């Protein structure tokens, strides 16, 4: 657990905060969630589209690609290779989603022929 951005006190970064209110009721939660998710995607080689920042694309050397689309609480993963999609899902479970404590919202995906 980490202190939220903007609330860190110099010299006391390792202290924890006791929540008096459920985090999911705060207005900042969607923005903070997106920032973490965006960082995760960029670190894994995905690019945001300029027209919609909820669409991430990764093109592979072999010509294949994966498109990930976020919409409110849903996620759609589109790709040509099921192994690459499975690896993305596995990486998401290991890092981003495990820390954020969200539900597995990405169980459906589509294969392009």
PDB file of N, CA and C in Angstrom:
ATOM      1  N   UNK A   1       0.853  -1.171   0.000  1.00  0.00           N
ATOM      2  CA  UNK A   1       0.000   0.000   0.000  1.00  0.00           C
ATOM      3  C   UNK A   1       0.896   1.230   0.000  1.00  0.00           C
ATOM      4  N   UNK A   2       0.520   2.215  -0.769  1.00  0.00           N
ATOM      5  CA  UNK A   2       1.279   3.455  -0.836  1.00  0.00           C
ATOM      6  C   UNK A   2       0.363   4.621  -0.507  1.00  0.00           C
ATOM      7  N   UNK A   3       0.977   5.701  -0.004  1.00  0.00           N
ATOM      8  CA  UNK A   3       0.198   6.912   0.218  1.00  0.00           C
ATOM      9  C   UNK A   3      -0.198   7.488  -1.135  1.00  0.00           C
ATOM     10  N   UNK A   4      -1.394   8.065  -1.235  1.00  0.00           N
ATOM     11  CA  UNK A   4      -1.831   8.643  -2.511  1.00  0.00           C
ATOM     12  C   UNK A   4      -0.961   9.834  -2.908  1.00  0.00           C
ATOM     13  N   UNK A   5      -0.875  10.081  -4.215  1.00  0.00           N
ATOM     14  CA  UNK A   5      -0.126  11.235  -4.714  1.00  0.00           C
ATOM     15  C   UNK A   5      -0.667  12.511  -4.084  1.00  0.00           C
ATOM     16  N   UNK A   6       0.232  13.407  -3.722  1.00  0.00           N
ATOM     17  CA  UNK A   6      -0.171  14.680  -3.153  1.00  0.00           C
ATOM     18  C   UNK A   6      -0.329  14.648  -1.644  1.00  0.00           C
ATOM     19  N   UNK A   7      -0.258  13.471  -1.028  1.00  0.00           N
ATOM     20  CA  UNK A   7      -0.440  13.360   0.417  1.00  0.00           C
ATOM     21  C   UNK A   7       0.831  12.898   1.118  1.00  0.00           C
ATOM     22  N   UNK A   8       1.910  12.734   0.371  1.00  0.00           N
ATOM     23  CA  UNK A   8       3.154  12.252   0.964  1.00  0.00           C
ATOM     24  C   UNK A   8       3.810  13.365   1.774  1.00  0.00           C
ATOM     25  N   UNK A   9       4.246  13.015   2.979  1.00  0.00           N
ATOM     26  CA  UNK A   9       4.948  13.948   3.850  1.00  0.00           C
ATOM     27  C   UNK A   9       6.420  13.553   3.834  1.00  0.00           C
ATOM     28  N   UNK A  10       7.288  14.506   3.568  1.00  0.00           N
ATOM     29  CA  UNK A  10       8.717  14.214   3.461  1.00  0.00           C
ATOM     30  C   UNK A  10       9.221  13.589   4.761  1.00  0.00           C
ATOM     31  N   UNK A  11       9.924  12.469   4.615  1.00  0.00           N
ATOM     32  CA  UNK A  11      10.446  11.752   5.768  1.00  0.00           C
ATOM     33  C   UNK A  11       9.480  10.737   6.345  1.00  0.00           C
ATOM     34  N   UNK A  12       8.222  10.760   5.898  1.00  0.00           N
ATOM     35  CA  UNK A  12       7.211   9.829   6.414  1.00  0.00           C
ATOM     36  C   UNK A  12       6.546   9.054   5.278  1.00  0.00           C
ATOM     37  N   UNK A  13       7.314   8.818   4.202  1.00  0.00           N
ATOM     38  CA  UNK A  13       6.756   8.144   3.027  1.00  0.00           C
ATOM     39  C   UNK A  13       6.351   6.703   3.304  1.00  0.00           C
ATOM     40  N   UNK A  14       6.944   6.082   4.325  1.00  0.00           N
ATOM     41  CA  UNK A  14       6.652   4.680   4.622  1.00  0.00           C
ATOM     42  C   UNK A  14       5.438   4.492   5.532  1.00  0.00           C
ATOM     43  N   UNK A  15       4.898   5.567   6.068  1.00  0.00           N
ATOM     44  CA  UNK A  15       3.727   5.447   6.942  1.00  0.00           C
ATOM     45  C   UNK A  15       2.481   5.157   6.120  1.00  0.00           C
ATOM     46  N   UNK A  16       1.561   4.425   6.700  1.00  0.00           N
ATOM     47  CA  UNK A  16       0.297   4.119   6.032  1.00  0.00           C
ATOM     48  C   UNK A  16      -0.786   5.074   6.497  1.00  0.00           C
ATOM     49  N   UNK A  17      -1.809   5.206   5.693  1.00  0.00           N
ATOM     50  CA  UNK A  17      -2.956   6.048   6.032  1.00  0.00           C
ATOM     51  C   UNK A  17      -4.129   5.144   6.397  1.00  0.00           C
ATOM     52  N   UNK A  18      -4.866   5.528   7.415  1.00  0.00           N
ATOM     53  CA  UNK A  18      -6.078   4.790   7.751  1.00  0.00           C
ATOM     54  C   UNK A  18      -7.243   5.474   7.045  1.00  0.00           C
ATOM     55  N   UNK A  19      -7.969   4.698   6.253  1.00  0.00           N
ATOM     56  CA  UNK A  19      -9.080   5.259   5.500  1.00  0.00           C
ATOM     57  C   UNK A  19     -10.305   5.401   6.387  1.00  0.00           C
ATOM     58  N   UNK A  20     -10.926   6.562   6.299  1.00  0.00           N
ATOM     59  CA  UNK A  20     -12.170   6.781   7.032  1.00  0.00           C
ATOM     60  C   UNK A  20     -13.363   6.679   6.096  1.00  0.00           C
ATOM     61  N   UNK A  21     -13.073   6.552   4.813  1.00  0.00           N
ATOM     62  CA  UNK A  21     -14.119   6.517   3.805  1.00  0.00           C
ATOM     63  C   UNK A  21     -13.696   5.532   2.720  1.00  0.00           C
ATOM     64  N   UNK A  22     -14.641   4.844   2.147  1.00  0.00           N
ATOM     65  CA  UNK A  22     -14.373   3.903   1.072  1.00  0.00           C
ATOM     66  C   UNK A  22     -13.754   4.639  -0.113  1.00  0.00           C
ATOM     67  N   UNK A  23     -12.625   4.131  -0.628  1.00  0.00           N
ATOM     68  CA  UNK A  23     -11.956   4.784  -1.759  1.00  0.00           C
ATOM     69  C   UNK A  23     -12.833   4.890  -2.993  1.00  0.00           C
ATOM     70  N   UNK A  24     -13.712   3.917  -3.206  1.00  0.00           N
ATOM     71  CA  UNK A  24     -14.500   3.905  -4.432  1.00  0.00           C
ATOM     72  C   UNK A  24     -15.551   5.005  -4.463  1.00  0.00           C
ATOM     73  N   UNK A  25     -15.727   5.708  -3.372  1.00  0.00           N
ATOM     74  CA  UNK A  25     -16.668   6.828  -3.363  1.00  0.00           C
ATOM     75  C   UNK A  25     -15.984   8.142  -3.721  1.00  0.00           C
ATOM     76  N   UNK A  26     -14.669   8.168  -3.700  1.00  0.00           N
ATOM     77  CA  UNK A  26     -13.950   9.398  -3.981  1.00  0.00           C
ATOM     78  C   UNK A  26     -13.965   9.710  -5.474  1.00  0.00           C
ATOM     79  N   UNK A  27     -14.021  10.988  -5.792  1.00  0.00           N
ATOM     80  CA  UNK A  27     -14.055  11.413  -7.193  1.00  0.00           C
ATOM     81  C   UNK A  27     -12.721  11.172  -7.901  1.00  0.00           C
ATOM     82  N   UNK A  28     -11.626  11.134  -7.134  1.00  0.00           N
ATOM     83  CA  UNK A  28     -10.304  10.994  -7.735  1.00  0.00           C
ATOM     84  C   UNK A  28      -9.989   9.567  -8.171  1.00  0.00           C
ATOM     85  N   UNK A  29     -10.736   8.588  -7.693  1.00  0.00           N
ATOM     86  CA  UNK A  29     -10.398   7.187  -7.941  1.00  0.00           C
ATOM     87  C   UNK A  29     -10.322   6.847  -9.430  1.00  0.00           C
ATOM     88  N   UNK A  30     -11.304   7.208 -10.260  1.00  0.00           N
ATOM     89  CA  UNK A  30     -11.189   6.852 -11.680  1.00  0.00           C
ATOM     90  C   UNK A  30      -9.938   7.446 -12.335  1.00  0.00           C
ATOM     91  N   UNK A  31      -9.609   8.669 -11.975  1.00  0.00           N
ATOM     92  CA  UNK A  31      -8.431   9.325 -12.554  1.00  0.00           C
ATOM     93  C   UNK A  31      -7.149   8.621 -12.112  1.00  0.00           C
ATOM     94  N   UNK A  32      -7.050   8.301 -10.826  1.00  0.00           N
ATOM     95  CA  UNK A  32      -5.868   7.605 -10.320  1.00  0.00           C
ATOM     96  C   UNK A  32      -5.754   6.210 -10.926  1.00  0.00           C
ATOM     97  N   UNK A  33      -6.881   5.515 -11.067  1.00  0.00           N
ATOM     98  CA  UNK A  33      -6.885   4.182 -11.676  1.00  0.00           C
ATOM     99  C   UNK A  33      -6.377   4.270 -13.115  1.00  0.00           C
ATOM    100  N   UNK A  34      -6.884   5.262 -13.855  1.00  0.00           N
ATOM    101  CA  UNK A  34      -6.467   5.409 -15.252  1.00  0.00           C
ATOM    102  C   UNK A  34      -4.974   5.718 -15.350  1.00  0.00           C
ATOM    103  N   UNK A  35      -4.473   6.591 -14.476  1.00  0.00           N
ATOM    104  CA  UNK A  35      -3.045   6.930 -14.515  1.00  0.00           C
ATOM    105  C   UNK A  35      -2.185   5.685 -14.309  1.00  0.00           C
ATOM    106  N   UNK A  36      -2.562   4.841 -13.338  1.00  0.00           N
ATOM    107  CA  UNK A  36      -1.820   3.592 -13.092  1.00  0.00           C
ATOM    108  C   UNK A  36      -1.917   2.664 -14.294  1.00  0.00           C
ATOM    109  N   UNK A  37      -3.119   2.537 -14.841  1.00  0.00           N
ATOM    110  CA  UNK A  37      -3.334   1.648 -15.978  1.00  0.00           C
ATOM    111  C   UNK A  37      -2.556   2.143 -17.193  1.00  0.00           C
ATOM    112  N   UNK A  38      -2.613   3.443 -17.442  1.00  0.00           N
ATOM    113  CA  UNK A  38      -1.894   4.043 -18.563  1.00  0.00           C
ATOM    114  C   UNK A  38      -0.395   3.783 -18.438  1.00  0.00           C
ATOM    115  N   UNK A  39       0.158   3.965 -17.256  1.00  0.00           N
ATOM    116  CA  UNK A  39       1.585   3.705 -17.029  1.00  0.00           C
ATOM    117  C   UNK A  39       1.925   2.251 -17.319  1.00  0.00           C
ATOM    118  N   UNK A  40       1.067   1.347 -16.865  1.00  0.00           N
ATOM    119  CA  UNK A  40       1.275  -0.078 -17.108  1.00  0.00           C
ATOM    120  C   UNK A  40       1.322  -0.364 -18.607  1.00  0.00           C
ATOM    121  N   UNK A  41       0.366   0.178 -19.347  1.00  0.00           N
ATOM    122  CA  UNK A  41       0.290  -0.091 -20.782  1.00  0.00           C
ATOM    123  C   UNK A  41       1.505   0.478 -21.519  1.00  0.00           C
ATOM    124  N   UNK A  42       1.909   1.695 -21.181  1.00  0.00           N
ATOM    125  CA  UNK A  42       3.069   2.326 -21.818  1.00  0.00           C
ATOM    126  C   UNK A  42       4.332   1.502 -21.521  1.00  0.00           C
ATOM    127  N   UNK A  43       4.494   1.051 -20.271  1.00  0.00           N
ATOM    128  CA  UNK A  43       5.654   0.234 -19.897  1.00  0.00           C
ATOM    129  C   UNK A  43       5.709  -1.068 -20.691  1.00  0.00           C
ATOM    130  N   UNK A  44       4.560  -1.575 -21.107  1.00  0.00           N
ATOM    131  CA  UNK A  44       4.509  -2.836 -21.843  1.00  0.00           C
ATOM    132  C   UNK A  44       4.455  -2.636 -23.365  1.00  0.00           C
ATOM    133  N   UNK A  45       4.782  -1.427 -23.826  1.00  0.00           N
ATOM    134  CA  UNK A  45       4.935  -1.190 -25.256  1.00  0.00           C
ATOM    135  C   UNK A  45       3.675  -0.797 -26.002  1.00  0.00           C
ATOM    136  N   UNK A  46       2.600  -0.476 -25.301  1.00  0.00           N
ATOM    137  CA  UNK A  46       1.361  -0.057 -25.958  1.00  0.00           C
ATOM    138  C   UNK A  46       1.371   1.455 -26.121  1.00  0.00           C
ATOM    139  N   UNK A  47       0.693   1.933 -27.159  1.00  0.00           N
ATOM    140  CA  UNK A  47       0.559   3.372 -27.391  1.00  0.00           C
ATOM    141  C   UNK A  47      -0.911   3.750 -27.325  1.00  0.00           C
ATOM    142  N   UNK A  48      -1.180   4.909 -26.728  1.00  0.00           N
ATOM    143  CA  UNK A  48      -2.548   5.459 -26.751  1.00  0.00           C
ATOM    144  C   UNK A  48      -2.787   6.050 -28.121  1.00  0.00           C
ATOM    145  N   UNK A  49      -4.006   5.921 -28.612  1.00  0.00           N
ATOM    146  CA  UNK A  49      -4.318   6.597 -29.869  1.00  0.00           C
ATOM    147  C   UNK A  49      -4.521   8.075 -29.575  1.00  0.00           C
ATOM    148  N   UNK A  50      -4.247   8.921 -30.552  1.00  0.00           N
ATOM    149  CA  UNK A  50      -4.411  10.359 -30.335  1.00  0.00           C
ATOM    150  C   UNK A  50      -5.877  10.761 -30.313  1.00  0.00           C
ATOM    151  N   UNK A  51      -6.716   9.998 -30.975  1.00  0.00           N
ATOM    152  CA  UNK A  51      -8.132  10.360 -31.037  1.00  0.00           C
ATOM    153  C   UNK A  51      -8.925   9.892 -29.822  1.00  0.00           C
ATOM    154  N   UNK A  52      -8.447   8.853 -29.124  1.00  0.00           N
ATOM    155  CA  UNK A  52      -9.162   8.346 -27.952  1.00  0.00           C
ATOM    156  C   UNK A  52      -8.147   7.751 -26.984  1.00  0.00           C
ATOM    157  N   UNK A  53      -8.008   8.366 -25.828  1.00  0.00           N
ATOM    158  CA  UNK A  53      -7.008   7.927 -24.859  1.00  0.00           C
ATOM    159  C   UNK A  53      -7.409   6.663 -24.114  1.00  0.00           C
ATOM    160  N   UNK A  54      -8.541   6.096 -24.438  1.00  0.00           N
ATOM    161  CA  UNK A  54      -8.965   4.818 -23.852  1.00  0.00           C
ATOM    162  C   UNK A  54      -8.743   3.663 -24.821  1.00  0.00           C
ATOM    163  N   UNK A  55      -8.035   3.921 -25.903  1.00  0.00           N
ATOM    164  CA  UNK A  55      -7.701   2.881 -26.879  1.00  0.00           C
ATOM    165  C   UNK A  55      -6.175   2.770 -26.931  1.00  0.00           C
ATOM    166  N   UNK A  56      -5.683   1.569 -26.652  1.00  0.00           N
ATOM    167  CA  UNK A  56      -4.248   1.292 -26.647  1.00  0.00           C
ATOM    168  C   UNK A  56      -3.943   0.272 -27.738  1.00  0.00           C
ATOM    169  N   UNK A  57      -2.839   0.492 -28.459  1.00  0.00           N
ATOM    170  CA  UNK A  57      -2.468  -0.392 -29.569  1.00  0.00           C
ATOM    171  C   UNK A  57      -1.006  -0.790 -29.418  1.00  0.00           C
ATOM    172  N   UNK A  58      -0.739  -2.062 -29.696  1.00  0.00           N
ATOM    173  CA  UNK A  58       0.646  -2.539 -29.760  1.00  0.00           C
ATOM    174  C   UNK A  58       0.804  -3.346 -31.034  1.00  0.00           C
ATOM    175  N   UNK A  59       1.779  -2.949 -31.857  1.00  0.00           N
ATOM    176  CA  UNK A  59       2.097  -3.686 -33.083  1.00  0.00           C
ATOM    177  C   UNK A  59       3.373  -4.488 -32.829  1.00  0.00           C
ATOM    178  N   UNK A  60       3.343  -5.739 -33.224  1.00  0.00           N
ATOM    179  CA  UNK A  60       4.484  -6.626 -33.023  1.00  0.00           C
ATOM    180  C   UNK A  60       5.306  -6.711 -34.308  1.00  0.00           C
ATOM    181  N   UNK A  61       6.545  -7.158 -34.175  1.00  0.00           N
ATOM    182  CA  UNK A  61       7.466  -7.260 -35.315  1.00  0.00           C
ATOM    183  C   UNK A  61       6.909  -8.168 -36.406  1.00  0.00           C
ATOM    184  N   UNK A  62       6.181  -9.211 -36.013  1.00  0.00           N
ATOM    185  CA  UNK A  62       5.651 -10.167 -36.990  1.00  0.00           C
ATOM    186  C   UNK A  62       4.401  -9.669 -37.713  1.00  0.00           C
ATOM    187  N   UNK A  63       4.019  -8.405 -37.469  1.00  0.00           N
ATOM    188  CA  UNK A  63       2.865  -7.822 -38.152  1.00  0.00           C
ATOM    189  C   UNK A  63       1.563  -7.948 -37.387  1.00  0.00           C
ATOM    190  N   UNK A  64       1.553  -8.739 -36.324  1.00  0.00           N
ATOM    191  CA  UNK A  64       0.337  -8.879 -35.520  1.00  0.00           C
ATOM    192  C   UNK A  64       0.183  -7.666 -34.613  1.00  0.00           C
ATOM    193  N   UNK A  65      -0.991  -7.525 -34.022  1.00  0.00           N
ATOM    194  CA  UNK A  65      -1.250  -6.397 -33.138  1.00  0.00           C
ATOM    195  C   UNK A  65      -2.268  -6.796 -32.079  1.00  0.00           C
ATOM    196  N   UNK A  66      -2.320  -5.985 -31.031  1.00  0.00           N
ATOM    197  CA  UNK A  66      -3.356  -6.093 -30.001  1.00  0.00           C
ATOM    198  C   UNK A  66      -3.927  -4.697 -29.813  1.00  0.00           C
ATOM    199  N   UNK A  67      -5.241  -4.624 -29.759  1.00  0.00           N
ATOM    200  CA  UNK A  67      -5.940  -3.378 -29.456  1.00  0.00           C
ATOM    201  C   UNK A  67      -6.701  -3.601 -28.157  1.00  0.00           C
ATOM    202  N   UNK A  68      -6.515  -2.699 -27.199  1.00  0.00           N
ATOM    203  CA  UNK A  68      -7.240  -2.770 -25.939  1.00  0.00           C
ATOM    204  C   UNK A  68      -8.100  -1.519 -25.827  1.00  0.00           C
ATOM    205  N   UNK A  69      -9.384  -1.708 -25.555  1.00  0.00           N
ATOM    206  CA  UNK A  69     -10.330  -0.596 -25.472  1.00  0.00           C
ATOM    207  C   UNK A  69     -10.951  -0.577 -24.083  1.00  0.00           C
ATOM    208  N   UNK A  70     -10.915   0.590 -23.435  1.00  0.00           N
ATOM    209  CA  UNK A  70     -11.578   0.782 -22.145  1.00  0.00           C
ATOM    210  C   UNK A  70     -12.855   1.566 -22.375  1.00  0.00           C
ATOM    211  N   UNK A  71     -13.918   1.170 -21.701  1.00  0.00           N
ATOM    212  CA  UNK A  71     -15.157   1.943 -21.759  1.00  0.00           C
ATOM    213  C   UNK A  71     -15.849   1.799 -20.409  1.00  0.00           C
ATOM    214  N   UNK A  72     -15.898   2.876 -19.666  1.00  0.00           N
ATOM    215  CA  UNK A  72     -16.454   2.924 -18.312  1.00  0.00           C
ATOM    216  C   UNK A  72     -15.818   1.796 -17.492  1.00  0.00           C
ATOM    217  N   UNK A  73     -16.550   0.760 -17.124  1.00  0.00           N
ATOM    218  CA  UNK A  73     -15.989  -0.319 -16.323  1.00  0.00           C
ATOM    219  C   UNK A  73     -15.660  -1.557 -17.115  1.00  0.00           C
ATOM    220  N   UNK A  74     -15.653  -1.461 -18.427  1.00  0.00           N
ATOM    221  CA  UNK A  74     -15.424  -2.637 -19.266  1.00  0.00           C
ATOM    222  C   UNK A  74     -14.132  -2.502 -20.058  1.00  0.00           C
ATOM    223  N   UNK A  75     -13.622  -3.650 -20.489  1.00  0.00           N
ATOM    224  CA  UNK A  75     -12.403  -3.699 -21.273  1.00  0.00           C
ATOM    225  C   UNK A  75     -12.583  -4.729 -22.380  1.00  0.00           C
ATOM    226  N   UNK A  76     -12.152  -4.375 -23.584  1.00  0.00           N
ATOM    227  CA  UNK A  76     -12.207  -5.287 -24.721  1.00  0.00           C
ATOM    228  C   UNK A  76     -10.795  -5.420 -25.272  1.00  0.00           C
ATOM    229  N   UNK A  77     -10.331  -6.655 -25.409  1.00  0.00           N
ATOM    230  CA  UNK A  77      -9.012  -6.916 -25.970  1.00  0.00           C
ATOM    231  C   UNK A  77      -9.206  -7.612 -27.310  1.00  0.00           C
ATOM    232  N   UNK A  78      -8.669  -6.999 -28.363  1.00  0.00           N
ATOM    233  CA  UNK A  78      -8.809  -7.533 -29.714  1.00  0.00           C
ATOM    234  C   UNK A  78      -7.415  -7.854 -30.239  1.00  0.00           C
ATOM    235  N   UNK A  79      -7.247  -9.045 -30.793  1.00  0.00           N
ATOM    236  CA  UNK A  79      -5.941  -9.399 -31.326  1.00  0.00           C
ATOM    237  C   UNK A  79      -6.006 -10.622 -32.205  1.00  0.00           C
ATOM    238  N   UNK A  80      -4.889 -10.912 -32.847  1.00  0.00           N
ATOM    239  CA  UNK A  80      -4.811 -12.032 -33.775  1.00  0.00           C
ATOM    240  C   UNK A  80      -4.217 -13.280 -33.140  1.00  0.00           C
ATOM    241  N   UNK A  81      -3.524 -13.125 -32.029  1.00  0.00           N
ATOM    242  CA  UNK A  81      -2.791 -14.235 -31.434  1.00  0.00           C
ATOM    243  C   UNK A  81      -3.246 -14.436 -29.993  1.00  0.00           C
ATOM    244  N   UNK A  82      -3.866 -15.569 -29.723  1.00  0.00           N
ATOM    245  CA  UNK A  82      -4.408 -15.823 -28.382  1.00  0.00           C
ATOM    246  C   UNK A  82      -3.309 -15.914 -27.326  1.00  0.00           C
ATOM    247  N   UNK A  83      -2.112 -16.366 -27.710  1.00  0.00           N
ATOM    248  CA  UNK A  83      -1.010 -16.456 -26.748  1.00  0.00           C
ATOM    249  C   UNK A  83      -0.562 -15.068 -26.295  1.00  0.00           C
ATOM    250  N   UNK A  84      -0.514 -14.127 -27.223  1.00  0.00           N
ATOM    251  CA  UNK A  84      -0.114 -12.761 -26.869  1.00  0.00           C
ATOM    252  C   UNK A  84      -1.179 -12.097 -26.001  1.00  0.00           C
ATOM    253  N   UNK A  85      -2.436 -12.373 -26.271  1.00  0.00           N
ATOM    254  CA  UNK A  85      -3.523 -11.838 -25.448  1.00  0.00           C
ATOM    255  C   UNK A  85      -3.446 -12.437 -24.049  1.00  0.00           C
ATOM    256  N   UNK A  86      -3.205 -13.731 -23.967  1.00  0.00           N
ATOM    257  CA  UNK A  86      -3.077 -14.397 -22.663  1.00  0.00           C
ATOM    258  C   UNK A  86      -1.911 -13.832 -21.867  1.00  0.00           C
ATOM    259  N   UNK A  87      -0.802 -13.535 -22.547  1.00  0.00           N
ATOM    260  CA  UNK A  87       0.351 -12.947 -21.856  1.00  0.00           C
ATOM    261  C   UNK A  87       0.005 -11.568 -21.308  1.00  0.00           C
ATOM    262  N   UNK A  88      -0.698 -10.762 -22.084  1.00  0.00           N
ATOM    263  CA  UNK A  88      -1.123  -9.447 -21.606  1.00  0.00           C
ATOM    264  C   UNK A  88      -1.996  -9.594 -20.363  1.00  0.00           C
ATOM    265  N   UNK A  89      -2.964 -10.490 -20.418  1.00  0.00           N
ATOM    266  CA  UNK A  89      -3.846 -10.703 -19.267  1.00  0.00           C
ATOM    267  C   UNK A  89      -3.062 -11.170 -18.041  1.00  0.00           C
ATOM    268  N   UNK A  90      -2.093 -12.053 -18.264  1.00  0.00           N
ATOM    269  CA  UNK A  90      -1.272 -12.557 -17.164  1.00  0.00           C
ATOM    270  C   UNK A  90      -0.450 -11.419 -16.555  1.00  0.00           C
ATOM    271  N   UNK A  91       0.149 -10.586 -17.407  1.00  0.00           N
ATOM    272  CA  UNK A  91       0.929  -9.441 -16.929  1.00  0.00           C
ATOM    273  C   UNK A  91       0.049  -8.460 -16.165  1.00  0.00           C
ATOM    274  N   UNK A  92      -1.173  -8.258 -16.636  1.00  0.00           N
ATOM    275  CA  UNK A  92      -2.096  -7.351 -15.955  1.00  0.00           C
ATOM    276  C   UNK A  92      -2.439  -7.886 -14.567  1.00  0.00           C
ATOM    277  N   UNK A  93      -2.683  -9.175 -14.477  1.00  0.00           N
ATOM    278  CA  UNK A  93      -2.996  -9.775 -13.174  1.00  0.00           C
ATOM    279  C   UNK A  93      -1.823  -9.643 -12.212  1.00  0.00           C
ATOM    280  N   UNK A  94      -0.599  -9.833 -12.738  1.00  0.00           N
ATOM    281  CA  UNK A  94       0.586  -9.791 -11.884  1.00  0.00           C
ATOM    282  C   UNK A  94       0.855  -8.398 -11.328  1.00  0.00           C
ATOM    283  N   UNK A  95       0.638  -7.371 -12.112  1.00  0.00           N
ATOM    284  CA  UNK A  95       1.037  -6.045 -11.654  1.00  0.00           C
ATOM    285  C   UNK A  95      -0.135  -5.132 -11.381  1.00  0.00           C
ATOM    286  N   UNK A  96      -0.671  -4.594 -12.397  1.00  0.00           N
ATOM    287  CA  UNK A  96      -1.680  -3.535 -12.294  1.00  0.00           C
ATOM    288  C   UNK A  96      -2.905  -3.921 -11.470  1.00  0.00           C
ATOM    289  N   UNK A  97      -3.551  -4.989 -11.834  1.00  0.00           N
ATOM    290  CA  UNK A  97      -4.821  -5.322 -11.203  1.00  0.00           C
ATOM    291  C   UNK A  97      -4.672  -5.882  -9.811  1.00  0.00           C
ATOM    292  N   UNK A  98      -3.592  -6.573  -9.538  1.00  0.00           N
ATOM    293  CA  UNK A  98      -3.400  -7.121  -8.204  1.00  0.00           C
ATOM    294  C   UNK A  98      -3.238  -5.993  -7.194  1.00  0.00           C
ATOM    295  N   UNK A  99      -2.470  -4.971  -7.548  1.00  0.00           N
ATOM    296  CA  UNK A  99      -2.254  -3.848  -6.631  1.00  0.00           C
ATOM    297  C   UNK A  99      -3.507  -3.008  -6.465  1.00  0.00           C
ATOM    298  N   UNK A 100      -4.259  -2.860  -7.530  1.00  0.00           N
ATOM    299  CA  UNK A 100      -5.428  -1.995  -7.464  1.00  0.00           C
ATOM    300  C   UNK A 100      -6.636  -2.680  -6.847  1.00  0.00           C
ATOM    301  N   UNK A 101      -6.612  -3.981  -6.774  1.00  0.00           N
ATOM    302  CA  UNK A 101      -7.707  -4.710  -6.149  1.00  0.00           C
ATOM    303  C   UNK A 101      -8.999  -4.667  -6.936  1.00  0.00           C
ATOM    304  N   UNK A 102      -8.925  -4.545  -8.241  1.00  0.00           N
ATOM    305  CA  UNK A 102     -10.144  -4.510  -9.044  1.00  0.00           C
ATOM    306  C   UNK A 102     -10.556  -5.918  -9.431  1.00  0.00           C
ATOM    307  N   UNK A 103     -11.767  -6.047  -9.872  1.00  0.00           N
ATOM    308  CA  UNK A 103     -12.265  -7.346 -10.341  1.00  0.00           C
ATOM    309  C   UNK A 103     -11.647  -7.679 -11.683  1.00  0.00           C
ATOM    310  N   UNK A 104     -11.707  -8.939 -12.026  1.00  0.00           N
ATOM    311  CA  UNK A 104     -11.228  -9.357 -13.349  1.00  0.00           C
ATOM    312  C   UNK A 104     -12.282  -8.949 -14.362  1.00  0.00           C
ATOM    313  N   UNK A 105     -12.017  -7.829 -15.032  1.00  0.00           N
ATOM    314  CA  UNK A 105     -13.011  -7.265 -15.951  1.00  0.00           C
ATOM    315  C   UNK A 105     -12.633  -7.503 -17.401  1.00  0.00           C
ATOM    316  N   UNK A 106     -11.673  -8.351 -17.638  1.00  0.00           N
ATOM    317  CA  UNK A 106     -11.192  -8.516 -19.002  1.00  0.00           C
ATOM    318  C   UNK A 106     -11.216  -9.976 -19.435  1.00  0.00           C
ATOM    319  N   UNK A 107     -12.287 -10.655 -19.130  1.00  0.00           N
ATOM    320  CA  UNK A 107     -12.331 -12.082 -19.437  1.00  0.00           C
ATOM    321  C   UNK A 107     -12.796 -12.380 -20.861  1.00  0.00           C
ATOM    322  N   UNK A 108     -13.320 -11.407 -21.556  1.00  0.00           N
ATOM    323  CA  UNK A 108     -13.794 -11.640 -22.928  1.00  0.00           C
ATOM    324  C   UNK A 108     -12.868 -10.962 -23.911  1.00  0.00           C
ATOM    325  N   UNK A 109     -12.517 -11.655 -24.962  1.00  0.00           N
ATOM    326  CA  UNK A 109     -11.715 -11.046 -26.014  1.00  0.00           C
ATOM    327  C   UNK A 109     -12.109 -11.644 -27.356  1.00  0.00           C
ATOM    328  N   UNK A 110     -11.721 -10.945 -28.398  1.00  0.00           N
ATOM    329  CA  UNK A 110     -12.128 -11.308 -29.749  1.00  0.00           C
ATOM    330  C   UNK A 110     -10.870 -11.605 -30.564  1.00  0.00           C
ATOM    331  N   UNK A 111     -10.932 -12.605 -31.391  1.00  0.00           N
ATOM    332  CA  UNK A 111      -9.818 -12.913 -32.289  1.00  0.00           C
ATOM    333  C   UNK A 111     -10.150 -12.394 -33.686  1.00  0.00           C
ATOM    334  N   UNK A 112      -9.203 -11.693 -34.279  1.00  0.00           N
ATOM    335  CA  UNK A 112      -9.359 -11.263 -35.667  1.00  0.00           C
ATOM    336  C   UNK A 112      -8.702 -12.295 -36.564  1.00  0.00           C
ATOM    337  N   UNK A 113      -9.318 -12.592 -37.670  1.00  0.00           N
ATOM    338  CA  UNK A 113      -8.751 -13.587 -38.596  1.00  0.00           C
ATOM    339  C   UNK A 113      -7.865 -12.934 -39.623  1.00  0.00           C
TER     340      UNK A 113
END
